[in-house]
């Protein structure tokens, strides 16, 4: 059974940085795509960043230039480096993985709160 465990969330002031981690149970080579999503209260879940098994990345417009997604295959972990955080980045951040059979998996989420 696939498990994704997020960590690294917390409270930070506007302009600050956080790094989120998503640790997978077992090799992440089995996933064609790994992503970070976020959901703020009263809003739909939105895509933040994507990284493919080949290392290609893509970002939501609201985080381009501030967030960076990366992966460490040896540690079976995907990261989200978040810089220049804004209050509107406040949300629960979820890790998502899609395997080669297109089955999706989700982590439990980690709260990020940015104070103004």
Protein backbone atom coordinates (compact mmCIF):
# COMPACT_ATOMS: atom_id res chain seq x y z
CA UNK A 1 0.00 0.00 0.00
CA UNK A 2 1.29 3.42 -0.96
CA UNK A 3 1.74 5.96 1.78
CA UNK A 4 2.64 9.60 1.30
CA UNK A 5 3.59 11.56 4.40
CA UNK A 6 3.92 15.34 4.24
CA UNK A 7 5.90 17.41 6.70
CA UNK A 8 7.40 20.86 7.04
CA UNK A 9 4.30 22.98 7.35
CA UNK A 10 3.91 25.65 9.98
CA UNK A 11 3.43 29.32 10.72
CA UNK A 12 5.62 31.86 8.96
CA UNK A 13 5.55 35.60 8.41
CA UNK A 14 4.92 37.06 4.99
CA UNK A 15 8.13 37.13 2.98
CA UNK A 16 9.47 34.05 4.73
CA UNK A 17 10.24 30.57 3.46
CA UNK A 18 9.26 27.00 4.19
CA UNK A 19 10.24 23.67 2.70
CA UNK A 20 7.65 20.92 2.53
CA UNK A 21 8.60 17.27 2.21
CA UNK A 22 6.59 14.34 0.92
CA UNK A 23 8.07 10.99 1.85
CA UNK A 24 6.77 7.96 -0.02
CA UNK A 25 6.70 4.39 1.19
CA UNK A 26 8.94 2.68 -1.30
CA UNK A 27 10.49 3.89 -4.52
CA UNK A 28 9.10 6.98 -6.23
CA UNK A 29 10.26 5.62 -9.57
CA UNK A 30 6.87 3.87 -9.80
CA UNK A 31 5.13 7.23 -10.01
CA UNK A 32 4.87 8.92 -13.39
CA UNK A 33 3.99 12.23 -11.77
CA UNK A 34 4.22 13.71 -8.29
CA UNK A 35 2.52 16.95 -7.39
CA UNK A 36 1.71 19.40 -4.66
CA UNK A 37 -1.83 20.72 -4.32
CA UNK A 38 -3.28 23.13 -1.80
CA UNK A 39 -6.71 23.92 -0.45
CA UNK A 40 -7.63 27.07 1.41
CA UNK A 41 -10.79 27.30 3.52
CA UNK A 42 -13.86 27.69 1.32
CA UNK A 43 -11.87 27.19 -1.87
CA UNK A 44 -11.33 24.35 -4.29
CA UNK A 45 -8.14 22.34 -4.22
CA UNK A 46 -5.66 23.79 -6.69
CA UNK A 47 -2.53 22.48 -8.34
CA UNK A 48 0.64 24.14 -7.07
CA UNK A 49 3.48 22.25 -8.75
CA UNK A 50 4.18 19.09 -10.70
CA UNK A 51 7.30 17.04 -11.32
CA UNK A 52 7.48 14.08 -13.68
CA UNK A 53 9.59 10.97 -13.37
CA UNK A 54 11.90 12.54 -15.92
CA UNK A 55 12.31 15.68 -13.84
CA UNK A 56 10.17 18.08 -15.86
CA UNK A 57 8.35 20.63 -13.75
CA UNK A 58 5.35 22.89 -14.03
CA UNK A 59 3.79 25.44 -11.68
CA UNK A 60 0.55 27.19 -10.98
CA UNK A 61 0.57 30.82 -12.10
CA UNK A 62 0.23 32.13 -8.55
CA UNK A 63 3.48 30.48 -7.38
CA UNK A 64 5.72 30.75 -10.44
CA UNK A 65 9.06 32.26 -9.56
CA UNK A 66 8.53 31.71 -5.82
CA UNK A 67 8.10 27.95 -5.38
CA UNK A 68 10.35 25.14 -6.55
CA UNK A 69 9.48 21.45 -6.70
CA UNK A 70 12.24 18.86 -6.63
CA UNK A 71 12.73 15.18 -5.99
CA UNK A 72 15.36 13.03 -4.32
CA UNK A 73 14.98 9.55 -5.74
CA UNK A 74 17.43 8.06 -3.26
CA UNK A 75 15.30 9.30 -0.35
CA UNK A 76 11.95 8.61 -2.06
CA UNK A 77 11.01 12.18 -1.28
CA UNK A 78 9.59 15.15 -3.14
CA UNK A 79 10.10 18.68 -1.86
CA UNK A 80 8.39 22.01 -2.27
CA UNK A 81 10.60 24.99 -1.50
CA UNK A 82 8.39 27.99 -0.90
CA UNK A 83 9.96 31.44 -0.85
CA UNK A 84 8.54 34.94 -0.55
CA UNK A 85 5.42 33.55 1.06
CA UNK A 86 2.25 35.60 1.02
CA UNK A 87 -0.86 35.43 3.25
CA UNK A 88 -2.78 34.07 0.27
CA UNK A 89 -0.50 31.02 0.28
CA UNK A 90 -2.17 29.95 3.52
CA UNK A 91 -3.72 26.52 2.93
CA UNK A 92 -3.43 22.83 3.62
CA UNK A 93 -0.83 21.45 1.24
CA UNK A 94 -1.26 17.93 -0.10
CA UNK A 95 1.16 15.62 -1.83
CA UNK A 96 -0.19 13.62 -4.75
CA UNK A 97 1.33 10.80 -6.76
CA UNK A 98 0.10 8.99 -9.84
CA UNK A 99 1.51 5.58 -10.61
CA UNK A 100 2.10 3.99 -13.99
CA UNK A 101 -1.47 2.59 -13.93
CA UNK A 102 -2.77 6.15 -13.43
CA UNK A 103 -3.92 5.38 -9.89
CA UNK A 104 -3.74 8.48 -7.67
CA UNK A 105 -2.54 8.60 -4.10
CA UNK A 106 -2.80 11.40 -1.56
CA UNK A 107 -1.05 12.35 1.64
CA UNK A 108 -2.87 13.58 4.73
CA UNK A 109 -1.88 17.21 4.21
CA UNK A 110 0.20 19.73 6.12
CA UNK A 111 -0.98 23.18 7.20
CA UNK A 112 0.86 26.27 6.01
CA UNK A 113 -0.14 29.57 7.58
CA UNK A 114 1.38 32.85 6.45
CA UNK A 115 0.79 35.84 8.69
CA UNK A 116 0.77 39.41 7.38
